[in-house]
């Protein structure tokens, strides 16, 4: 199991920047470099001994990952700027605004008392 964990760690180290920044794409003289926020997680298990009248064994493992596109660097006419992904901003922003609104409502209610 330790060999598998090291192999996964080496693979993720090699992937690194390529996960956050995609390969540059050239379209009509404009260069686009996609940007994403990525995270990965892995776990493993083991087993052993058993309970009376039952034989214990074990093993296990799992992993997962996610990536959210946050925008792209766009180069036009010698000028490079970051253009955000509006949908990703809304997905992150809506829950934040809801929580901030509720917190503000509670503060106002507490100050009225």
N, C-alpha and C. Protein backbone atom coordinates (compact mmCIF):
# COMPACT_ATOMS: atom_id res chain seq x y z
N UNK A 1 0.83 -1.20 0.00
CA UNK A 1 0.00 0.00 0.00
C UNK A 1 0.87 1.26 0.00
N UNK A 2 2.01 1.23 0.72
CA UNK A 2 2.88 2.40 0.78
C UNK A 2 3.44 2.74 -0.60
N UNK A 3 3.72 1.72 -1.39
CA UNK A 3 4.24 1.94 -2.74
C UNK A 3 3.19 2.68 -3.59
N UNK A 4 1.94 2.30 -3.46
CA UNK A 4 0.86 2.94 -4.22
C UNK A 4 0.72 4.40 -3.82
N UNK A 5 0.81 4.69 -2.53
CA UNK A 5 0.69 6.07 -2.04
C UNK A 5 1.81 6.93 -2.59
N UNK A 6 3.04 6.41 -2.59
CA UNK A 6 4.18 7.16 -3.14
C UNK A 6 4.00 7.40 -4.62
N UNK A 7 3.51 6.40 -5.32
CA UNK A 7 3.31 6.52 -6.77
C UNK A 7 2.26 7.61 -7.07
N UNK A 8 1.17 7.65 -6.29
CA UNK A 8 0.15 8.68 -6.47
C UNK A 8 0.72 10.06 -6.18
N UNK A 9 1.50 10.18 -5.11
CA UNK A 9 2.11 11.47 -4.76
C UNK A 9 3.04 11.95 -5.86
N UNK A 10 3.85 11.06 -6.42
CA UNK A 10 4.76 11.44 -7.51
C UNK A 10 3.98 11.89 -8.74
N UNK A 11 2.89 11.20 -9.05
CA UNK A 11 2.07 11.56 -10.21
C UNK A 11 1.47 12.94 -10.03
N UNK A 12 0.92 13.23 -8.84
CA UNK A 12 0.31 14.53 -8.60
C UNK A 12 1.33 15.65 -8.61
N UNK A 13 2.54 15.37 -8.14
CA UNK A 13 3.59 16.38 -8.18
C UNK A 13 3.93 16.74 -9.62
N UNK A 14 3.96 15.75 -10.49
CA UNK A 14 4.26 16.00 -11.89
C UNK A 14 3.13 16.77 -12.57
N UNK A 15 1.87 16.52 -12.17
CA UNK A 15 0.73 17.18 -12.78
C UNK A 15 0.72 18.66 -12.38
N UNK A 16 0.88 18.96 -11.09
CA UNK A 16 0.99 20.28 -10.50
C UNK A 16 0.39 21.44 -11.27
N UNK A 17 1.24 22.23 -11.88
CA UNK A 17 0.82 23.46 -12.54
C UNK A 17 -0.12 23.19 -13.71
N UNK A 18 0.04 22.06 -14.37
CA UNK A 18 -0.82 21.76 -15.51
C UNK A 18 -2.28 21.59 -15.10
N UNK A 19 -2.52 21.31 -13.82
CA UNK A 19 -3.90 21.22 -13.34
C UNK A 19 -4.50 22.60 -13.17
N UNK A 20 -3.72 23.56 -12.67
CA UNK A 20 -4.23 24.90 -12.43
C UNK A 20 -4.25 25.75 -13.70
N UNK A 21 -3.27 25.58 -14.55
CA UNK A 21 -3.18 26.35 -15.78
C UNK A 21 -3.17 25.40 -16.97
N UNK A 22 -4.10 25.60 -17.89
CA UNK A 22 -4.16 24.75 -19.07
C UNK A 22 -3.16 25.17 -20.12
N UNK A 23 -3.09 24.40 -21.17
CA UNK A 23 -2.19 24.72 -22.29
C UNK A 23 -2.72 25.96 -23.02
N UNK A 24 -1.82 26.83 -23.46
CA UNK A 24 -2.25 28.03 -24.21
C UNK A 24 -2.95 27.63 -25.51
N UNK A 25 -4.01 28.38 -25.82
CA UNK A 25 -4.79 28.14 -27.03
C UNK A 25 -4.73 29.42 -27.86
N UNK A 26 -4.41 29.29 -29.14
CA UNK A 26 -4.31 30.44 -30.05
C UNK A 26 -5.56 30.48 -30.92
N UNK A 27 -6.32 31.61 -30.84
CA UNK A 27 -7.52 31.78 -31.65
C UNK A 27 -7.50 33.17 -32.27
N UNK A 28 -7.39 33.25 -33.58
CA UNK A 28 -7.40 34.53 -34.31
C UNK A 28 -6.45 35.56 -33.73
N UNK A 29 -5.24 35.17 -33.41
CA UNK A 29 -4.24 36.09 -32.88
C UNK A 29 -4.37 36.38 -31.39
N UNK A 30 -5.32 35.76 -30.72
CA UNK A 30 -5.52 35.92 -29.28
C UNK A 30 -5.08 34.64 -28.59
N UNK A 31 -4.28 34.78 -27.54
CA UNK A 31 -3.82 33.62 -26.78
C UNK A 31 -4.65 33.52 -25.50
N UNK A 32 -5.18 32.33 -25.24
CA UNK A 32 -6.01 32.09 -24.06
C UNK A 32 -5.37 30.99 -23.22
N UNK A 33 -5.18 31.27 -21.92
CA UNK A 33 -4.65 30.27 -20.98
C UNK A 33 -5.70 30.05 -19.90
N UNK A 34 -6.39 28.89 -19.92
CA UNK A 34 -7.42 28.63 -18.92
C UNK A 34 -6.82 28.44 -17.52
N UNK A 35 -7.57 28.88 -16.50
CA UNK A 35 -7.13 28.79 -15.11
C UNK A 35 -8.23 28.09 -14.31
N UNK A 36 -7.81 27.14 -13.46
CA UNK A 36 -8.77 26.41 -12.62
C UNK A 36 -8.23 26.27 -11.21
N UNK A 37 -9.13 26.11 -10.27
CA UNK A 37 -8.77 25.81 -8.88
C UNK A 37 -9.03 24.32 -8.70
N UNK A 38 -8.01 23.56 -8.37
CA UNK A 38 -8.15 22.11 -8.28
C UNK A 38 -7.71 21.59 -6.92
N UNK A 39 -8.34 20.51 -6.48
CA UNK A 39 -7.92 19.85 -5.25
C UNK A 39 -8.14 18.34 -5.39
N UNK A 40 -7.30 17.61 -4.71
CA UNK A 40 -7.35 16.15 -4.75
C UNK A 40 -7.26 15.61 -3.33
N UNK A 41 -7.81 14.44 -3.11
CA UNK A 41 -7.69 13.79 -1.82
C UNK A 41 -7.67 12.28 -2.00
N UNK A 42 -6.88 11.62 -1.19
CA UNK A 42 -6.78 10.17 -1.26
C UNK A 42 -6.78 9.60 0.15
N UNK A 43 -7.25 8.40 0.29
CA UNK A 43 -7.25 7.73 1.58
C UNK A 43 -7.00 6.25 1.41
N UNK A 44 -6.62 5.62 2.48
CA UNK A 44 -6.36 4.18 2.45
C UNK A 44 -6.77 3.57 3.77
N UNK A 45 -6.98 2.31 3.79
CA UNK A 45 -7.36 1.61 5.01
C UNK A 45 -6.58 0.34 5.16
N UNK A 46 -6.77 -0.30 6.28
CA UNK A 46 -6.09 -1.56 6.56
C UNK A 46 -6.98 -2.31 7.54
N UNK A 47 -6.70 -3.51 7.77
CA UNK A 47 -7.51 -4.30 8.69
C UNK A 47 -6.65 -5.25 9.48
N UNK A 48 -7.27 -6.12 10.15
CA UNK A 48 -6.55 -7.09 10.95
C UNK A 48 -7.52 -7.87 11.80
N UNK A 49 -7.03 -8.47 12.85
CA UNK A 49 -7.79 -9.26 13.82
C UNK A 49 -9.29 -9.25 13.65
N UNK A 50 -9.95 -10.09 14.34
CA UNK A 50 -11.39 -10.18 14.20
C UNK A 50 -12.10 -10.22 15.54
N UNK A 51 -13.39 -10.29 15.49
CA UNK A 51 -14.23 -10.41 16.67
C UNK A 51 -14.46 -11.90 16.90
N UNK A 52 -14.82 -12.26 18.11
CA UNK A 52 -15.05 -13.68 18.41
C UNK A 52 -15.98 -14.30 17.37
N UNK A 53 -15.70 -15.52 17.02
CA UNK A 53 -16.48 -16.31 16.06
C UNK A 53 -16.52 -15.68 14.66
N UNK A 54 -15.72 -14.70 14.38
CA UNK A 54 -15.68 -14.11 13.05
C UNK A 54 -14.22 -13.85 12.68
N UNK A 55 -13.93 -14.04 11.45
CA UNK A 55 -12.56 -13.82 11.01
C UNK A 55 -12.45 -12.40 10.46
N UNK A 56 -11.47 -11.67 10.95
CA UNK A 56 -11.31 -10.29 10.51
C UNK A 56 -10.34 -10.17 9.34
N UNK A 57 -10.68 -9.38 8.44
CA UNK A 57 -9.84 -9.06 7.29
C UNK A 57 -10.10 -7.60 6.98
N UNK A 58 -9.34 -7.03 6.11
CA UNK A 58 -9.64 -5.64 5.76
C UNK A 58 -8.78 -5.13 4.65
N UNK A 59 -9.15 -4.02 4.17
CA UNK A 59 -8.43 -3.31 3.13
C UNK A 59 -9.29 -2.13 2.76
N UNK A 60 -8.88 -1.34 1.85
CA UNK A 60 -9.72 -0.23 1.41
C UNK A 60 -8.90 0.87 0.80
N UNK A 61 -9.57 1.77 0.23
CA UNK A 61 -8.90 2.91 -0.37
C UNK A 61 -9.90 3.73 -1.15
N UNK A 62 -9.53 4.92 -1.43
CA UNK A 62 -10.42 5.78 -2.20
C UNK A 62 -9.72 7.08 -2.55
N UNK A 63 -10.31 7.78 -3.40
CA UNK A 63 -9.74 9.06 -3.80
C UNK A 63 -10.73 9.87 -4.59
N UNK A 64 -10.43 11.11 -4.74
CA UNK A 64 -11.32 11.97 -5.51
C UNK A 64 -10.65 13.30 -5.79
N UNK A 65 -11.29 14.04 -6.60
CA UNK A 65 -10.76 15.35 -6.93
C UNK A 65 -11.83 16.21 -7.55
N UNK A 66 -11.55 17.49 -7.59
CA UNK A 66 -12.47 18.42 -8.23
C UNK A 66 -11.67 19.57 -8.82
N UNK A 67 -12.23 20.17 -9.83
CA UNK A 67 -11.61 21.33 -10.45
C UNK A 67 -12.71 22.31 -10.83
N UNK A 68 -12.51 23.57 -10.48
CA UNK A 68 -13.49 24.60 -10.83
C UNK A 68 -12.79 25.63 -11.73
N UNK A 69 -13.30 25.82 -12.94
CA UNK A 69 -12.70 26.82 -13.83
C UNK A 69 -12.99 28.22 -13.29
N UNK A 70 -11.95 28.98 -13.01
CA UNK A 70 -12.15 30.31 -12.43
C UNK A 70 -11.96 31.44 -13.44
N UNK A 71 -11.43 31.14 -14.61
CA UNK A 71 -11.27 32.17 -15.62
C UNK A 71 -10.18 31.83 -16.60
N UNK A 72 -9.64 32.87 -17.25
CA UNK A 72 -8.58 32.65 -18.23
C UNK A 72 -7.75 33.92 -18.37
N UNK A 73 -6.48 33.73 -18.67
CA UNK A 73 -5.61 34.84 -19.05
C UNK A 73 -5.74 34.99 -20.56
N UNK A 74 -6.06 36.20 -20.99
CA UNK A 74 -6.27 36.46 -22.41
C UNK A 74 -5.27 37.51 -22.86
N UNK A 75 -4.51 37.19 -23.90
CA UNK A 75 -3.53 38.13 -24.47
C UNK A 75 -4.00 38.58 -25.84
N UNK A 76 -4.27 39.90 -25.97
CA UNK A 76 -4.67 40.50 -27.24
C UNK A 76 -3.82 41.73 -27.48
N UNK A 77 -3.31 41.87 -28.64
CA UNK A 77 -2.56 43.07 -29.04
C UNK A 77 -1.48 43.45 -28.02
N UNK A 78 -0.79 42.47 -27.49
CA UNK A 78 0.30 42.71 -26.54
C UNK A 78 -0.15 43.02 -25.12
N UNK A 79 -1.45 42.96 -24.84
CA UNK A 79 -1.98 43.23 -23.50
C UNK A 79 -2.56 41.93 -22.94
N UNK A 80 -2.12 41.57 -21.74
CA UNK A 80 -2.63 40.36 -21.08
C UNK A 80 -3.45 40.76 -19.88
N UNK A 81 -4.64 40.17 -19.77
CA UNK A 81 -5.48 40.43 -18.60
C UNK A 81 -6.23 39.17 -18.22
N UNK A 82 -6.67 39.13 -16.95
CA UNK A 82 -7.41 37.98 -16.45
C UNK A 82 -8.90 38.25 -16.63
N UNK A 83 -9.60 37.32 -17.25
CA UNK A 83 -11.05 37.43 -17.42
C UNK A 83 -11.70 36.32 -16.61
N UNK A 84 -12.44 36.67 -15.54
CA UNK A 84 -13.03 35.66 -14.66
C UNK A 84 -14.19 34.91 -15.31
N UNK A 85 -14.44 33.72 -14.81
CA UNK A 85 -15.59 32.91 -15.20
C UNK A 85 -16.76 33.39 -14.35
N UNK A 86 -17.71 34.08 -14.94
CA UNK A 86 -18.81 34.70 -14.21
C UNK A 86 -19.65 33.64 -13.48
N UNK A 87 -19.86 32.50 -14.09
CA UNK A 87 -20.67 31.45 -13.46
C UNK A 87 -19.99 30.95 -12.19
N UNK A 88 -18.66 30.75 -12.22
CA UNK A 88 -17.94 30.32 -11.03
C UNK A 88 -18.03 31.37 -9.93
N UNK A 89 -17.94 32.65 -10.29
CA UNK A 89 -18.08 33.72 -9.30
C UNK A 89 -19.47 33.70 -8.67
N UNK A 90 -20.51 33.45 -9.45
CA UNK A 90 -21.86 33.37 -8.90
C UNK A 90 -22.03 32.17 -7.98
N UNK A 91 -21.46 31.04 -8.38
CA UNK A 91 -21.56 29.83 -7.55
C UNK A 91 -20.92 30.06 -6.19
N UNK A 92 -19.80 30.77 -6.16
CA UNK A 92 -19.12 31.06 -4.90
C UNK A 92 -19.78 32.23 -4.18
N UNK A 93 -20.23 33.22 -4.92
CA UNK A 93 -20.75 34.44 -4.33
C UNK A 93 -22.13 34.33 -3.70
N UNK A 94 -23.03 33.58 -4.30
CA UNK A 94 -24.41 33.50 -3.78
C UNK A 94 -24.45 32.97 -2.35
N UNK A 95 -23.81 31.85 -2.02
CA UNK A 95 -23.84 31.41 -0.62
C UNK A 95 -23.20 32.43 0.33
N UNK A 96 -22.14 33.09 -0.10
CA UNK A 96 -21.49 34.10 0.73
C UNK A 96 -22.45 35.25 1.03
N UNK A 97 -23.15 35.73 0.02
CA UNK A 97 -24.09 36.83 0.21
C UNK A 97 -25.23 36.40 1.14
N UNK A 98 -25.71 35.17 0.99
CA UNK A 98 -26.78 34.67 1.88
C UNK A 98 -26.33 34.65 3.33
N UNK A 99 -25.15 34.12 3.58
CA UNK A 99 -24.63 34.04 4.95
C UNK A 99 -24.38 35.44 5.50
N UNK A 100 -23.81 36.32 4.71
CA UNK A 100 -23.55 37.68 5.16
C UNK A 100 -24.86 38.41 5.45
N UNK A 101 -25.89 38.20 4.64
CA UNK A 101 -27.19 38.82 4.87
C UNK A 101 -27.84 38.36 6.16
N UNK A 102 -27.78 37.06 6.42
CA UNK A 102 -28.34 36.53 7.67
C UNK A 102 -27.58 37.06 8.88
N UNK A 103 -26.26 37.11 8.77
CA UNK A 103 -25.46 37.62 9.89
C UNK A 103 -25.78 39.08 10.15
N UNK A 104 -25.90 39.87 9.10
CA UNK A 104 -26.24 41.28 9.25
C UNK A 104 -27.62 41.45 9.87
N UNK A 105 -28.59 40.64 9.45
CA UNK A 105 -29.94 40.70 10.03
C UNK A 105 -29.91 40.40 11.53
N UNK A 106 -29.11 39.43 11.93
CA UNK A 106 -29.01 39.10 13.37
C UNK A 106 -28.35 40.22 14.15
N UNK A 107 -27.33 40.85 13.56
CA UNK A 107 -26.67 41.96 14.25
C UNK A 107 -27.65 43.11 14.42
N UNK A 108 -28.41 43.46 13.40
CA UNK A 108 -29.39 44.54 13.47
C UNK A 108 -30.47 44.20 14.51
N UNK A 109 -30.95 42.96 14.53
CA UNK A 109 -31.95 42.53 15.50
C UNK A 109 -31.41 42.65 16.92
N UNK A 110 -30.15 42.27 17.11
CA UNK A 110 -29.54 42.35 18.45
C UNK A 110 -29.36 43.81 18.90
N UNK A 111 -29.05 44.69 17.96
CA UNK A 111 -28.85 46.10 18.31
C UNK A 111 -30.19 46.78 18.64
N UNK A 112 -31.30 46.31 18.10
CA UNK A 112 -32.61 46.90 18.37
C UNK A 112 -33.08 46.59 19.78
N UNK A 113 -32.61 45.50 20.37
CA UNK A 113 -33.06 45.10 21.71
C UNK A 113 -32.50 45.95 22.77
